[in-house]
């Protein structure tokens, strides 16, 4: 038997992620279909791991900061 993890993995629905990010559901669907946001289809619906959402967010923030500083001397 494996020891209990420090935290449980949470799986979000597309609707949950849209609410968290304050965007429309079609935007989240597009991110998933483009392969930009990791997700797995379970029972006909996509699920996004909370850890994957956090990693995706951190990467998006880093890329946004990098793009915003281009051209600044």
Protein backbone atom coordinates (compact mmCIF):
# COMPACT_ATOMS: atom_id res chain seq x y z
CA UNK A 1 0.00 0.00 0.00
CA UNK A 2 1.29 3.45 -0.91
CA UNK A 3 1.49 6.15 1.75
CA UNK A 4 -1.02 8.97 1.54
CA UNK A 5 0.15 11.93 -0.51
CA UNK A 6 0.64 15.35 1.04
CA UNK A 7 -2.30 16.54 -1.03
CA UNK A 8 -4.96 14.93 -3.15
CA UNK A 9 -5.00 15.51 -6.87
CA UNK A 10 -8.01 17.55 -7.91
CA UNK A 11 -9.57 17.17 -11.34
CA UNK A 12 -11.42 20.16 -12.79
CA UNK A 13 -14.05 20.13 -15.51
CA UNK A 14 -13.81 22.50 -18.47
CA UNK A 15 -16.56 24.61 -16.87
CA UNK A 16 -14.63 24.73 -13.58
CA UNK A 17 -11.45 25.87 -15.35
CA UNK A 18 -13.37 28.50 -17.31
CA UNK A 19 -14.74 29.89 -14.04
CA UNK A 20 -11.31 29.82 -12.38
CA UNK A 21 -9.69 31.66 -15.31
CA UNK A 22 -12.75 33.90 -15.82
CA UNK A 23 -12.97 33.07 -19.50
CA UNK A 24 -15.63 31.37 -21.60
CA UNK A 25 -15.87 27.63 -21.88
CA UNK A 26 -15.09 27.71 -25.64
CA UNK A 27 -11.73 29.34 -24.87
CA UNK A 28 -10.81 26.47 -22.53
CA UNK A 29 -12.04 23.95 -25.13
CA UNK A 30 -9.82 25.62 -27.74
CA UNK A 31 -6.75 25.51 -25.46
CA UNK A 32 -7.34 21.79 -24.90
CA UNK A 33 -7.94 20.98 -28.57
CA UNK A 34 -4.81 22.95 -29.55
CA UNK A 35 -2.82 20.86 -27.07
CA UNK A 36 -1.84 23.94 -25.07
CA UNK A 37 -3.69 22.89 -21.90
CA UNK A 38 -3.20 19.26 -20.81
CA UNK A 39 -6.44 17.37 -20.31
CA UNK A 40 -7.79 13.84 -20.40
CA UNK A 41 -11.16 12.71 -21.63
CA UNK A 42 -13.04 10.78 -18.94
CA UNK A 43 -16.56 9.58 -19.57
CA UNK A 44 -16.84 11.78 -22.64
CA UNK A 45 -15.80 14.95 -20.83
CA UNK A 46 -12.41 16.56 -20.45
CA UNK A 47 -10.80 16.76 -17.01
CA UNK A 48 -7.84 18.94 -16.12
CA UNK A 49 -5.58 18.10 -13.18
CA UNK A 50 -5.13 20.99 -10.78
CA UNK A 51 -1.34 20.50 -10.94
CA UNK A 52 -1.40 20.71 -14.75
CA UNK A 53 -3.50 23.86 -14.63
CA UNK A 54 -1.00 25.47 -12.23
CA UNK A 55 1.98 24.47 -14.41
CA UNK A 56 0.19 25.78 -17.52
CA UNK A 57 -0.59 29.06 -15.75
CA UNK A 58 3.00 29.49 -14.56
CA UNK A 59 4.27 28.91 -18.11
CA UNK A 60 1.74 31.36 -19.59
CA UNK A 61 2.72 34.04 -17.07
CA UNK A 62 6.42 33.49 -17.77
CA UNK A 63 5.84 33.70 -21.55
CA UNK A 64 3.70 36.82 -21.17
CA UNK A 65 6.39 38.52 -19.09
CA UNK A 66 9.05 37.51 -21.60
CA UNK A 67 6.99 38.86 -24.54
CA UNK A 68 6.21 42.10 -22.70
CA UNK A 69 9.89 42.83 -22.07
CA UNK A 70 11.03 42.32 -25.67
CA UNK A 71 12.28 45.51 -27.19
CA UNK A 72 12.84 47.22 -23.84
CA UNK A 73 16.45 48.42 -23.59
